[in-house]
N, C-alpha and C. Protein backbone atom coordinates (compact mmCIF):
# COMPACT_ATOMS: atom_id res chain seq x y z
N UNK A 1 305.85 205.00 112.28
CA UNK A 1 306.30 205.10 114.08
C UNK A 1 307.65 205.10 114.22
N UNK A 2 308.44 205.03 114.51
CA UNK A 2 310.31 205.71 114.76
C UNK A 2 310.03 206.15 116.29
N UNK A 3 311.29 205.17 116.82
CA UNK A 3 311.97 204.96 117.90
C UNK A 3 313.18 205.95 117.55
N UNK A 4 313.63 207.25 119.04
CA UNK A 4 314.47 207.93 118.87
C UNK A 4 314.93 207.99 120.06
N UNK A 5 316.62 206.97 119.79
CA UNK A 5 317.40 206.80 120.95
C UNK A 5 318.86 207.42 121.24
N UNK A 6 318.95 207.90 122.60
CA UNK A 6 320.26 208.34 122.18
C UNK A 6 321.29 207.87 122.77
N UNK A 7 322.74 207.82 122.55
CA UNK A 7 323.70 207.32 122.90
C UNK A 7 324.78 208.01 123.58
N UNK A 8 325.40 206.94 123.46
CA UNK A 8 326.90 207.40 123.99
C UNK A 8 327.98 206.90 123.39
N UNK A 9 328.65 207.18 123.18
CA UNK A 9 330.00 206.22 122.71
C UNK A 9 330.09 204.81 122.45
N UNK A 10 330.59 204.64 121.33
CA UNK A 10 329.61 203.31 120.76
C UNK A 10 330.89 202.18 121.16
N UNK A 11 332.21 202.84 120.94
CA UNK A 11 333.11 201.69 121.54
C UNK A 11 333.34 201.91 123.20
N UNK A 12 333.09 202.20 123.52
CA UNK A 12 332.61 202.42 125.43
C UNK A 12 331.43 202.04 125.97
N UNK A 13 330.08 202.90 125.57
CA UNK A 13 328.71 203.13 126.38
C UNK A 13 328.22 201.45 126.28
N UNK A 14 328.39 200.66 127.23
CA UNK A 14 327.86 199.58 127.35
C UNK A 14 326.01 199.27 127.22
N UNK A 15 326.01 200.53 128.03
CA UNK A 15 324.64 201.28 128.88
C UNK A 15 323.26 200.70 127.02
N UNK A 16 324.29 201.72 126.13
CA UNK A 16 323.86 202.75 124.97
C UNK A 16 323.79 201.04 123.59
N UNK A 17 324.82 200.62 124.32
CA UNK A 17 324.56 198.79 123.00
C UNK A 17 322.91 198.08 123.49
N UNK A 18 323.12 198.50 124.85
CA UNK A 18 321.44 197.32 125.50
C UNK A 18 320.62 198.07 124.57
N UNK A 19 320.94 199.39 124.46
CA UNK A 19 319.16 200.22 124.17
C UNK A 19 319.09 199.95 122.60
N UNK A 20 320.41 199.63 121.53
CA UNK A 20 319.99 199.72 120.64
C UNK A 20 320.01 198.19 119.72
N UNK A 21 320.97 197.36 120.61
CA UNK A 21 320.07 196.05 120.21
C UNK A 21 318.70 195.77 120.31
N UNK A 22 318.51 196.37 120.90
CA UNK A 22 316.39 195.79 121.66
C UNK A 22 315.70 196.93 120.44
N UNK A 23 316.29 197.74 119.96
CA UNK A 23 315.58 198.17 118.80
C UNK A 23 316.72 197.26 117.72
N UNK A 24 317.12 197.14 117.11
CA UNK A 24 317.64 196.98 115.89
C UNK A 24 317.74 194.89 115.43
N UNK A 25 317.33 194.53 116.70
CA UNK A 25 317.92 192.51 116.94
C UNK A 25 316.33 192.45 116.43
N UNK A 26 315.23 193.40 116.86
CA UNK A 26 313.68 193.16 117.22
C UNK A 26 313.12 193.77 115.49
N UNK A 27 314.08 194.72 114.72
CA UNK A 27 313.29 195.47 113.92
C UNK A 27 312.14 196.70 114.05
N UNK A 28 312.63 197.65 114.75
CA UNK A 28 311.42 198.45 115.35
C UNK A 28 312.85 199.55 114.53
N UNK A 29 311.93 200.13 114.00
CA UNK A 29 312.25 201.22 113.58
C UNK A 29 312.50 202.72 114.45
N UNK A 30 313.98 202.66 114.46
CA UNK A 30 314.79 204.34 114.83
C UNK A 30 315.66 204.77 114.66
N UNK A 31 315.77 205.76 115.13
CA UNK A 31 317.04 206.64 114.53
C UNK A 31 317.48 206.81 115.71
N UNK A 32 319.52 206.90 116.03
CA UNK A 32 319.96 207.30 116.55
C UNK A 32 320.21 208.58 116.37
N UNK A 33 320.81 208.87 117.81
CA UNK A 33 321.20 210.51 118.29
C UNK A 33 322.77 209.96 118.79
N UNK A 34 323.78 211.21 119.22
CA UNK A 34 324.97 210.95 119.47
C UNK A 34 324.73 211.42 121.11
N UNK A 35 325.21 211.89 121.82
CA UNK A 35 324.79 211.92 123.21
C UNK A 35 326.71 212.10 123.70
N UNK A 36 326.87 213.23 123.50
CA UNK A 36 328.25 214.03 123.99
C UNK A 36 328.81 213.57 125.40
N UNK A 37 329.28 211.93 125.22
CA UNK A 37 329.47 210.98 126.62
C UNK A 37 330.61 211.36 127.08
N UNK A 38 331.72 211.60 126.20
CA UNK A 38 333.04 211.87 126.51
C UNK A 38 333.33 213.24 126.34
N UNK A 39 332.83 213.36 125.14
CA UNK A 39 333.07 215.03 124.82
C UNK A 39 332.86 216.05 125.68
N UNK A 40 332.07 215.87 126.82
CA UNK A 40 331.79 217.47 128.13
C UNK A 40 330.44 217.47 128.07
N UNK A 41 329.48 217.37 126.20
CA UNK A 41 328.43 217.47 126.22
C UNK A 41 327.05 217.17 126.71
N UNK A 42 327.59 215.61 127.75
CA UNK A 42 325.92 215.26 128.01
C UNK A 42 325.08 215.70 128.05
N UNK A 43 325.04 216.80 129.77
CA UNK A 43 324.19 217.45 130.04
C UNK A 43 323.34 217.93 129.92
N UNK A 44 324.19 218.94 128.62
CA UNK A 44 322.95 219.65 128.32
C UNK A 44 322.48 218.72 127.06
N UNK A 45 323.17 218.06 126.23
CA UNK A 45 322.83 217.06 124.85
C UNK A 45 321.11 216.18 125.73
N UNK A 46 321.22 215.93 127.05
CA UNK A 46 320.41 215.38 127.84
C UNK A 46 319.18 216.16 128.09
N UNK A 47 318.96 217.88 128.00
CA UNK A 47 318.88 218.18 128.36
C UNK A 47 317.09 218.76 128.19
N UNK A 48 317.09 218.57 127.00
CA UNK A 48 315.49 218.34 126.61
C UNK A 48 314.71 216.93 127.01
N UNK A 49 315.16 216.35 127.35
CA UNK A 49 314.92 214.56 127.47
C UNK A 49 314.30 215.06 128.94
N UNK A 50 314.59 215.55 129.85
CA UNK A 50 314.95 215.18 131.40
C UNK A 50 313.26 214.75 131.79
N UNK A 51 313.85 214.46 133.08
CA UNK A 51 314.85 214.00 133.91
C UNK A 51 315.78 213.05 133.44
N UNK A 52 315.52 212.68 132.06
CA UNK A 52 317.21 211.42 131.87
C UNK A 52 318.41 212.64 131.72
N UNK A 53 319.46 211.29 132.45
CA UNK A 53 320.54 212.09 132.71
C UNK A 53 321.74 211.55 132.70
N UNK A 54 321.23 210.19 132.13
CA UNK A 54 322.16 209.22 131.80
C UNK A 54 321.83 208.69 130.65
N UNK A 55 322.63 207.94 129.52
CA UNK A 55 322.18 207.62 128.15
C UNK A 55 322.01 205.61 128.82
N UNK A 56 321.23 205.03 127.73
CA UNK A 56 320.61 205.87 126.37
C UNK A 56 319.44 206.47 127.61
N UNK A 57 318.71 207.15 126.59
CA UNK A 57 317.64 207.43 126.45
C UNK A 57 316.54 207.20 125.60
N UNK A 58 315.54 206.48 126.11
CA UNK A 58 314.32 205.98 124.52
C UNK A 58 313.72 207.16 124.54
N UNK A 59 312.72 207.50 123.32
CA UNK A 59 311.37 208.55 123.16
C UNK A 59 311.18 207.95 121.81
N UNK A 60 309.51 207.44 122.55
CA UNK A 60 308.41 207.17 121.41
C UNK A 60 308.06 207.67 120.28
N UNK A 61 307.54 207.02 119.99
CA UNK A 61 306.92 208.02 118.83
C UNK A 61 305.87 208.84 118.96
N UNK A 62 305.38 208.68 120.63
CA UNK A 62 304.19 209.66 120.94
C UNK A 62 304.92 211.03 121.73
N UNK A 63 306.30 210.99 121.89
CA UNK A 63 306.80 211.94 122.77
C UNK A 63 307.38 211.08 124.15
N UNK A 64 307.02 210.69 124.48
CA UNK A 64 307.18 209.82 125.91
C UNK A 64 308.33 209.45 125.84
N UNK A 65 309.57 209.94 127.20
CA UNK A 65 310.83 210.04 127.08
C UNK A 65 311.14 209.01 128.44
N UNK A 66 311.50 207.61 128.12
CA UNK A 66 312.11 207.10 129.12
C UNK A 66 313.62 206.70 129.29
N UNK A 67 314.08 206.50 131.10
CA UNK A 67 315.42 205.70 130.76
C UNK A 67 315.08 204.36 131.49
N UNK A 68 316.76 204.50 131.29
CA UNK A 68 316.84 203.01 132.20
C UNK A 68 316.54 201.70 130.95
N UNK A 69 317.95 201.27 130.74
CA UNK A 69 317.56 200.06 129.60
C UNK A 69 316.14 198.85 130.59
N UNK A 70 316.21 198.63 131.41
CA UNK A 70 315.32 197.54 132.00
C UNK A 70 313.53 198.72 131.61
N UNK A 71 313.59 199.67 132.33
CA UNK A 71 312.46 200.22 131.53
C UNK A 71 312.23 200.10 130.12
N UNK A 72 313.42 200.45 128.92
CA UNK A 72 312.67 200.33 127.69
C UNK A 72 312.43 199.62 127.15
N UNK A 73 313.66 197.73 127.99
CA UNK A 73 313.16 196.41 127.40
C UNK A 73 311.11 196.17 127.80
N UNK A 74 310.89 196.60 128.68
CA UNK A 74 309.82 196.23 129.74
C UNK A 74 308.51 197.03 128.29
N UNK A 75 308.81 198.28 128.20
CA UNK A 75 308.11 199.01 127.54
C UNK A 75 308.02 198.86 126.40
N UNK A 76 308.91 198.57 125.48
CA UNK A 76 308.99 197.69 124.21
C UNK A 76 307.96 196.78 123.70
N UNK A 77 308.81 195.68 124.84
CA UNK A 77 307.96 194.22 124.86
C UNK A 77 306.77 194.64 124.82
N UNK A 78 306.68 195.46 125.56
CA UNK A 78 304.48 195.72 125.48
C UNK A 78 304.04 196.61 124.12
N UNK A 79 305.00 197.13 123.99
CA UNK A 79 303.99 198.01 122.99
C UNK A 79 304.58 196.82 121.02
N UNK A 80 305.71 196.00 121.75
CA UNK A 80 305.32 194.84 119.98
C UNK A 80 305.81 193.19 120.56
N UNK A 81 304.50 192.70 121.39
CA UNK A 81 304.34 191.65 121.25
C UNK A 81 304.45 190.75 120.47
N UNK A 82 304.01 191.12 119.42
CA UNK A 82 304.72 190.35 118.83
C UNK A 82 305.82 190.19 117.45
N UNK A 83 307.30 191.14 118.82
CA UNK A 83 308.47 191.10 118.11
C UNK A 83 308.81 189.78 119.01
N UNK A 84 308.38 189.79 120.16
CA UNK A 84 309.29 188.70 120.69
C UNK A 84 310.86 189.20 121.49
N UNK A 85 310.15 189.61 121.73
CA UNK A 85 311.54 190.49 123.25
C UNK A 85 312.44 189.73 123.85
N UNK A 86 310.93 189.15 124.63
CA UNK A 86 311.19 188.50 126.01
C UNK A 86 310.58 186.26 125.56
N UNK A 87 311.51 185.56 125.96
CA UNK A 87 311.18 183.91 125.28
C UNK A 87 309.21 183.51 125.70
N UNK A 88 308.87 183.18 124.93
CA UNK A 88 307.42 183.37 124.75
C UNK A 88 306.71 181.93 125.77
N UNK A 89 307.70 181.38 127.01
CA UNK A 89 306.72 179.90 127.36
C UNK A 89 306.75 181.36 129.26
N UNK A 90 306.24 180.70 130.08
CA UNK A 90 306.19 181.87 130.74
C UNK A 90 307.18 181.56 132.46
N UNK A 91 307.49 180.93 132.10
CA UNK A 91 308.54 179.90 133.09
C UNK A 91 309.78 180.33 132.31
N UNK A 92 310.44 180.62 131.33
CA UNK A 92 311.38 181.14 130.60
C UNK A 92 311.59 182.89 130.29
N UNK A 93 310.26 183.32 130.34
CA UNK A 93 310.25 184.49 130.61
C UNK A 93 310.52 184.98 131.77
N UNK A 94 309.46 184.47 132.96
CA UNK A 94 310.92 184.78 134.23
C UNK A 94 311.44 184.95 134.94
N UNK A 95 312.66 183.65 133.83
CA UNK A 95 314.10 183.21 134.43
C UNK A 95 314.63 184.56 133.56
N UNK A 96 314.18 184.91 132.38
CA UNK A 96 314.93 186.01 131.71
C UNK A 96 314.46 187.47 132.67
N UNK A 97 313.95 187.58 132.68
CA UNK A 97 314.18 189.00 133.14
C UNK A 97 314.37 189.26 135.04
N UNK A 98 314.79 188.37 135.29
CA UNK A 98 315.74 187.52 136.36
C UNK A 98 317.25 188.17 135.75
N UNK A 99 316.97 187.45 135.10
CA UNK A 99 318.82 187.42 134.68
C UNK A 99 319.28 188.77 134.10
N UNK A 100 317.88 189.57 133.62
CA UNK A 100 318.47 191.15 132.82
C UNK A 100 318.94 191.49 134.09
N UNK A 101 317.20 191.58 135.02
CA UNK A 101 317.86 192.38 136.66
C UNK A 101 318.85 192.60 137.10
N UNK A 102 319.22 191.49 137.00
CA UNK A 102 320.76 190.61 137.57
C UNK A 102 321.94 191.31 137.01
N UNK A 103 321.98 191.42 135.89
CA UNK A 103 322.58 192.50 134.96
C UNK A 103 322.66 193.55 134.91
N UNK A 104 321.69 194.74 135.51
CA UNK A 104 321.28 195.43 135.57
C UNK A 104 322.32 196.13 136.86
N UNK A 105 322.17 195.53 137.69
CA UNK A 105 322.35 195.71 138.90
C UNK A 105 323.29 194.65 139.64
N UNK A 106 323.91 193.80 139.30
CA UNK A 106 325.22 193.41 139.78
C UNK A 106 326.18 193.08 139.25
N UNK A 107 327.25 191.93 139.47
CA UNK A 107 328.61 191.85 138.65
C UNK A 107 329.56 193.09 138.39
N UNK A 108 329.70 193.89 139.48
CA UNK A 108 330.38 195.21 140.20
C UNK A 108 331.40 195.02 139.20
N UNK A 109 332.00 193.99 140.03
CA UNK A 109 333.60 193.30 139.46
C UNK A 109 334.41 193.88 138.64
N UNK A 110 332.92 193.01 137.67
CA UNK A 110 333.46 192.94 135.88
C UNK A 110 333.04 193.88 135.71
N UNK A 111 332.06 194.23 136.25
CA UNK A 111 332.08 196.49 135.16
C UNK A 111 333.21 197.28 135.97
N UNK A 112 333.90 197.27 136.86
CA UNK A 112 334.30 198.47 137.45
C UNK A 112 335.91 198.25 136.92
N UNK A 113 335.90 196.59 136.86
CA UNK A 113 337.25 196.49 136.63
C UNK A 113 337.92 196.08 134.82
N UNK A 114 336.61 195.67 134.48
CA UNK A 114 336.95 195.41 133.10
C UNK A 114 335.54 196.37 131.75
N UNK A 115 335.95 197.82 131.89
CA UNK A 115 335.29 198.19 131.89
C UNK A 115 334.83 198.03 129.57
N UNK A 116 334.30 198.28 129.15
CA UNK A 116 333.57 198.06 127.76
C UNK A 116 334.77 199.00 127.00
N UNK A 117 335.46 198.21 125.76
CA UNK A 117 335.64 198.76 124.77
C UNK A 117 336.15 197.46 124.01
N UNK A 118 335.77 197.70 122.58
CA UNK A 118 335.55 197.42 121.23
C UNK A 118 337.08 197.78 120.23
N UNK A 119 337.64 198.29 120.83
CA UNK A 119 338.34 198.49 120.38
C UNK A 119 339.66 197.53 120.22
N UNK A 120 340.15 196.27 120.98
CA UNK A 120 341.37 195.32 120.46
C UNK A 120 340.99 194.65 122.22
N UNK A 121 341.72 193.77 121.98
CA UNK A 121 341.96 192.44 123.31
C UNK A 121 343.44 192.79 124.29
N UNK A 122 343.26 192.64 125.70
CA UNK A 122 343.52 192.55 126.55
C UNK A 122 344.40 191.20 126.71
N UNK A 123 345.12 191.15 126.81
CA UNK A 123 345.61 189.97 126.89
C UNK A 123 346.85 189.87 128.35
N UNK A 124 346.64 188.52 129.15
CA UNK A 124 346.70 188.39 130.46
C UNK A 124 346.77 189.48 131.71
N UNK A 125 345.29 189.29 131.67
CA UNK A 125 344.20 190.88 132.37
C UNK A 125 344.95 189.73 133.50
N UNK A 126 345.41 191.08 134.31
CA UNK A 126 345.09 190.08 136.06
C UNK A 126 343.75 189.90 136.68
N UNK A 127 342.91 188.27 136.91
CA UNK A 127 341.68 188.44 137.41
C UNK A 127 342.22 188.60 138.52
N UNK A 128 341.52 189.23 139.05
CA UNK A 128 340.89 189.15 140.91
C UNK A 128 339.75 188.24 141.53
N UNK A 129 340.21 188.62 142.58
CA UNK A 129 339.21 187.38 143.07
C UNK A 129 338.00 188.11 142.65
N UNK A 130 337.51 189.14 143.59
CA UNK A 130 336.20 190.09 143.17
C UNK A 130 335.33 189.61 141.16
N UNK A 131 336.68 189.68 140.42
CA UNK A 131 336.17 189.29 138.99
C UNK A 131 336.23 187.89 139.25
N UNK A 132 336.42 186.97 139.17
CA UNK A 132 336.75 185.63 139.93
C UNK A 132 335.57 185.17 139.87
N UNK A 133 334.84 185.75 141.40
CA UNK A 133 333.92 185.50 141.64
C UNK A 133 332.16 185.83 140.87
N UNK A 134 332.10 187.13 139.69
CA UNK A 134 331.44 187.36 139.18
C UNK A 134 331.79 186.24 138.25
N UNK A 135 332.73 186.16 137.63
CA UNK A 135 332.95 185.03 136.75
C UNK A 135 332.44 184.18 136.50
N UNK A 136 332.17 183.44 137.61
CA UNK A 136 331.65 182.19 138.02
C UNK A 136 330.39 182.42 138.08
N UNK A 137 329.34 183.26 139.15
CA UNK A 137 328.53 183.53 139.23
C UNK A 137 327.77 184.01 137.93
N UNK A 138 327.90 184.46 136.82
CA UNK A 138 327.82 184.37 135.83
C UNK A 138 327.91 183.50 134.67
N UNK A 139 328.50 182.44 135.05
CA UNK A 139 328.40 181.07 134.46
C UNK A 139 327.14 179.96 135.24
N UNK A 140 326.90 180.51 135.97
CA UNK A 140 326.58 179.94 137.07
C UNK A 140 324.80 180.01 136.06
N UNK A 141 324.64 181.40 136.42
CA UNK A 141 323.32 182.07 135.90
C UNK A 141 322.88 181.39 134.39
N UNK A 142 324.10 181.82 133.71
CA UNK A 142 323.61 181.20 132.28
C UNK A 142 323.38 179.43 132.27
N UNK A 143 324.29 178.67 132.62
CA UNK A 143 324.27 177.14 133.06
C UNK A 143 322.70 176.80 133.05
N UNK A 144 322.16 177.63 134.59
CA UNK A 144 321.18 177.72 134.57
C UNK A 144 319.84 177.72 133.43
N UNK A 145 319.95 178.69 132.68
CA UNK A 145 319.22 179.48 131.74
C UNK A 145 318.98 178.47 130.32
N UNK A 146 320.39 178.27 130.37
CA UNK A 146 320.87 177.35 129.77
C UNK A 146 319.71 175.54 129.87
N UNK A 147 319.80 174.73 131.23
CA UNK A 147 318.74 174.24 131.58
C UNK A 147 317.65 174.20 131.54
N UNK A 148 317.35 175.21 132.16
CA UNK A 148 315.65 175.56 131.21
C UNK A 148 314.91 175.71 129.99
N UNK A 149 316.15 176.21 129.34
CA UNK A 149 315.49 176.90 127.91
C UNK A 149 315.90 175.30 126.82
N UNK A 150 316.46 174.08 126.99
CA UNK A 150 317.13 173.65 126.54
C UNK A 150 318.34 172.86 125.30
N UNK A 151 318.41 174.72 125.33
CA UNK A 151 319.94 175.12 124.72
C UNK A 151 321.04 175.27 125.01
N UNK A 152 321.74 174.09 124.81
CA UNK A 152 322.81 173.39 124.91
C UNK A 152 324.37 173.95 123.76
N UNK A 153 323.35 175.29 123.53
CA UNK A 153 324.35 175.89 121.89
C UNK A 153 323.75 177.40 121.70
N UNK A 154 324.79 178.23 121.08
CA UNK A 154 323.80 179.86 120.73
C UNK A 154 322.97 179.94 121.72
N UNK A 155 322.14 181.17 121.35
CA UNK A 155 320.97 182.63 121.90
C UNK A 155 320.82 180.76 123.64
N UNK A 156 321.29 181.42 124.92
CA UNK A 156 320.96 181.70 126.04
C UNK A 156 320.11 180.78 126.37
N UNK A 157 318.68 181.74 125.39
CA UNK A 157 317.36 180.72 125.76
C UNK A 157 316.83 180.02 124.86
N UNK A 158 317.87 179.91 123.47
CA UNK A 158 317.61 178.85 121.92
C UNK A 158 316.74 179.76 121.60
N UNK A 159 316.53 180.76 121.88
CA UNK A 159 316.41 181.93 120.53
C UNK A 159 316.65 183.74 120.66
N UNK A 160 317.19 183.81 120.23
CA UNK A 160 317.38 185.79 120.38
C UNK A 160 316.41 186.33 121.93
N UNK A 161 316.71 186.61 122.93
CA UNK A 161 315.85 187.49 123.50
C UNK A 161 316.91 188.67 123.93
N UNK A 162 315.98 189.22 125.56
CA UNK A 162 316.72 190.22 125.71
C UNK A 162 317.60 189.60 126.59
N UNK A 163 317.33 188.79 126.76
CA UNK A 163 318.79 188.06 127.80
C UNK A 163 319.98 188.92 126.47
N UNK A 164 320.36 188.14 125.77
CA UNK A 164 321.21 187.61 124.55
C UNK A 164 321.21 189.83 124.78
N UNK A 165 320.64 190.82 124.68
CA UNK A 165 320.79 191.92 124.73
C UNK A 165 321.81 192.66 125.71
N UNK A 166 320.88 191.69 126.92
CA UNK A 166 321.63 192.39 127.81
C UNK A 166 322.94 191.41 128.06
N UNK A 167 323.18 191.10 128.09
CA UNK A 167 324.66 190.38 128.17
C UNK A 167 325.63 190.59 127.18
N UNK A 168 325.09 190.73 126.38
CA UNK A 168 325.59 191.18 124.43
C UNK A 168 327.95 192.27 125.23
N UNK A 169 327.58 193.57 126.61
CA UNK A 169 328.46 194.29 126.31
C UNK A 169 329.18 192.67 127.89
N UNK A 170 328.62 192.00 128.14
CA UNK A 170 329.88 191.61 129.32
C UNK A 170 330.84 190.08 128.37
N UNK A 171 330.05 189.88 127.02
CA UNK A 171 330.54 188.76 126.29
C UNK A 171 331.66 189.68 125.96
N UNK A 172 331.60 190.76 125.35
CA UNK A 172 332.39 192.07 125.04
C UNK A 172 333.64 192.07 125.98
N UNK A 173 333.18 191.98 126.84
CA UNK A 173 334.26 192.40 128.33
C UNK A 173 335.19 190.86 128.43
N UNK A 174 334.34 189.92 128.11
CA UNK A 174 335.12 188.53 127.81
C UNK A 174 336.13 188.37 127.55
N UNK A 175 335.55 188.87 125.91
CA UNK A 175 336.73 188.97 124.27
C UNK A 175 337.84 190.16 124.84
N UNK A 176 336.73 191.65 125.40
CA UNK A 176 338.32 192.23 125.21
C UNK A 176 338.87 192.06 126.57
N UNK A 177 339.09 191.28 127.43
CA UNK A 177 339.41 191.00 128.22
C UNK A 177 340.70 189.49 128.44
N UNK A 178 340.31 188.63 127.29
CA UNK A 178 340.37 187.76 127.57
C UNK A 178 340.53 186.73 128.80
N UNK A 179 338.91 187.07 129.20
CA UNK A 179 338.78 186.35 129.94
C UNK A 179 338.38 184.94 130.09
N UNK A 180 338.59 184.11 131.40
CA UNK A 180 338.89 182.77 131.37
C UNK A 180 336.99 182.35 131.93
N UNK A 181 337.04 181.88 130.82
CA UNK A 181 335.58 180.43 131.20
C UNK A 181 335.19 179.55 130.19
N UNK A 182 334.62 179.00 130.54
CA UNK A 182 334.30 177.21 129.65
C UNK A 182 334.32 177.54 128.32
N UNK A 183 334.96 176.77 127.38
CA UNK A 183 335.11 176.37 125.92
C UNK A 183 333.33 176.93 125.81
N UNK A 184 332.51 176.44 126.12
CA UNK A 184 330.42 176.76 125.80
C UNK A 184 330.70 178.43 126.10
N UNK A 185 331.15 178.75 126.69
CA UNK A 185 330.51 180.35 127.15
C UNK A 185 331.78 181.77 125.57
N UNK A 186 332.51 180.84 126.46
CA UNK A 186 333.49 181.11 124.77
C UNK A 186 332.82 181.50 123.74
N UNK A 187 332.35 180.36 123.04
CA UNK A 187 332.04 180.21 122.07
C UNK A 187 330.16 181.44 121.62
N UNK A 188 329.71 181.17 122.97
CA UNK A 188 328.57 182.15 123.05
C UNK A 188 328.88 183.39 123.16
N UNK A 189 330.46 183.74 122.98
CA UNK A 189 331.10 185.17 123.59
C UNK A 189 331.30 185.61 122.29
N UNK A 190 331.72 184.24 121.06
CA UNK A 190 332.51 184.96 120.07
C UNK A 190 331.28 184.84 118.71
N UNK A 191 329.79 184.31 119.37
CA UNK A 191 328.30 184.33 118.20
C UNK A 191 328.62 185.54 119.04
N UNK A 192 328.50 185.95 119.79
CA UNK A 192 327.91 187.65 120.21
C UNK A 192 328.12 188.11 119.40
N UNK A 193 329.33 188.49 119.34
CA UNK A 193 330.81 189.25 118.75
C UNK A 193 330.82 189.47 117.72
N UNK A 194 330.01 188.34 116.78
CA UNK A 194 330.84 188.75 115.37
C UNK A 194 328.86 187.98 114.92
N UNK A 195 327.58 188.20 115.57
CA UNK A 195 326.13 188.47 115.58
C UNK A 195 326.79 189.99 114.25
N UNK A 196 325.87 190.07 112.98
CA UNK A 196 325.97 190.98 112.26
C UNK A 196 325.71 192.33 112.83
N UNK A 197 324.22 192.28 114.15
CA UNK A 197 324.09 194.10 114.95
C UNK A 197 325.27 193.85 115.03
N UNK A 198 326.21 193.92 116.01
CA UNK A 198 326.88 194.14 117.25
C UNK A 198 328.14 193.92 116.00
N UNK A 199 328.35 193.34 115.76
CA UNK A 199 329.42 194.01 113.85
C UNK A 199 329.29 195.28 113.85
N UNK A 200 327.77 195.48 113.16
CA UNK A 200 327.37 197.11 112.62
C UNK A 200 327.54 198.01 113.62
N UNK A 201 327.09 197.60 115.05
CA UNK A 201 327.89 198.57 116.00
C UNK A 201 329.37 198.84 116.01
N UNK A 202 330.10 198.03 116.48
CA UNK A 202 331.35 198.07 116.34
C UNK A 202 332.02 199.05 115.09
N UNK A 203 331.59 198.79 113.66
CA UNK A 203 331.91 199.11 112.65
C UNK A 203 332.75 200.76 112.89
N UNK A 204 330.67 200.91 113.34
CA UNK A 204 330.82 202.92 113.41
C UNK A 204 331.29 203.39 114.69
N UNK A 205 331.64 202.78 115.56
CA UNK A 205 332.38 203.17 116.86
C UNK A 205 333.96 203.01 115.94
N UNK A 206 334.59 201.68 115.20
CA UNK A 206 335.62 202.31 114.85
C UNK A 206 335.94 203.64 113.71
N UNK A 207 335.07 204.41 113.73
CA UNK A 207 334.80 205.69 112.87
C UNK A 207 336.15 206.52 113.83
N UNK A 208 335.38 206.28 115.39
CA UNK A 208 336.10 207.81 116.19
C UNK A 208 337.33 207.01 116.80
N UNK A 209 338.00 207.77 116.56
CA UNK A 209 339.59 207.50 117.12
C UNK A 209 340.00 208.16 118.79
N UNK A 210 340.43 207.85 119.04
CA UNK A 210 340.59 208.38 121.06
C UNK A 210 341.29 208.81 121.23
N UNK A 211 342.37 209.70 121.80
CA UNK A 211 343.75 210.34 122.16
C UNK A 211 343.84 210.94 122.86
N UNK A 212 343.99 210.78 124.02
CA UNK A 212 344.42 209.57 125.15
C UNK A 212 343.27 208.36 124.65
N UNK A 213 343.34 207.06 124.59
CA UNK A 213 342.71 206.68 124.96
C UNK A 213 342.21 205.99 126.17
N UNK A 214 340.50 205.96 126.39
CA UNK A 214 339.79 206.48 128.11
C UNK A 214 340.81 205.41 128.83
N UNK A 215 341.44 204.02 128.08
CA UNK A 215 341.58 203.06 129.29
C UNK A 215 342.62 202.60 129.52
N UNK A 216 342.95 201.91 130.11
CA UNK A 216 344.99 201.47 130.39
C UNK A 216 344.44 200.68 129.55
N UNK A 217 346.15 201.10 129.01
CA UNK A 217 346.48 199.47 127.58
C UNK A 217 347.81 198.76 128.37
N UNK A 218 347.99 198.65 129.54
CA UNK A 218 349.37 198.03 130.07
C UNK A 218 348.82 196.84 129.86
N UNK A 219 348.40 195.70 129.08
CA UNK A 219 348.59 194.49 129.94
C UNK A 219 349.08 194.39 127.81
N UNK A 220 349.68 193.41 127.07
CA UNK A 220 349.72 192.46 125.89
C UNK A 220 348.90 193.04 125.01
N UNK A 221 348.62 193.79 123.66
CA UNK A 221 347.50 194.13 123.19
C UNK A 221 347.48 193.43 121.79
N UNK A 222 346.52 192.32 121.80
CA UNK A 222 346.39 191.76 119.96
C UNK A 222 344.70 192.58 119.31
N UNK A 223 344.47 191.72 118.33
CA UNK A 223 343.74 192.77 117.44
C UNK A 223 341.80 191.68 117.99
N UNK A 224 341.06 192.30 117.82
CA UNK A 224 339.67 192.26 117.70
C UNK A 224 339.17 190.90 117.09
N UNK A 225 338.84 189.75 117.75
CA UNK A 225 338.77 188.73 117.11
C UNK A 225 337.52 188.45 115.42
N UNK A 226 337.15 189.46 115.58
CA UNK A 226 335.88 189.58 114.76
C UNK A 226 337.17 190.22 113.33
N UNK A 227 338.08 190.83 113.42
CA UNK A 227 338.70 191.19 112.69
C UNK A 227 339.60 190.49 111.59
N UNK A 228 339.26 189.04 111.95
CA UNK A 228 340.27 188.03 111.19
C UNK A 228 339.35 187.52 110.46
N UNK A 229 337.68 187.56 110.32
CA UNK A 229 336.83 187.18 109.30
C UNK A 229 336.79 187.33 108.02
N UNK A 230 337.43 188.51 107.25
CA UNK A 230 337.66 189.04 105.97
C UNK A 230 336.53 189.90 105.83
N UNK A 231 335.36 190.48 106.27
CA UNK A 231 335.06 191.34 105.83
C UNK A 231 335.61 192.61 104.95
């Protein structure tokens, strides 16, 4: 029983990263298909998957087409309860759903001003008041979830869950734009980008070069931290 996942460019597509992590991290068999997000062929590539129009798109072994990562997450959790995508305790499960939903619909300043890119670190990035407010809210909801789960370090709900899937691109943004967060939250972001699955995704992403680079590089550039680990 193998799923088919249709994704955009790995270096930039935050939603595609979420879709892939929820399959990869929970050991759900899948095949990955690249859609032309930056080459301009996305509409044609997704035409057989109508009514889907954005990546990622999940195709079940039975042929059902599922768009939107929240729908994908709930469907996979229903189909594979043994995989533990959501936390088991009901209160934690409810809070996890809340955090994932807020991530899907909120943090607009963070998403708009810091588009995900896994190539380098933009140092001395200017933090606007709206971005600062998003970072404050982000750390507030993380702290609340940790207080519920009792996790003072590591994954937010204690063990890896869909919460960590949904916030993985946020961790990448914090690292990629050198954004100011607490030492505890920076450690969480470093743990996220150094996780073997995330690093495998980034390794594939770096096989593709972009000229010109889609996003401005008018900051001081530094190496991505994972590059210092000596792999």
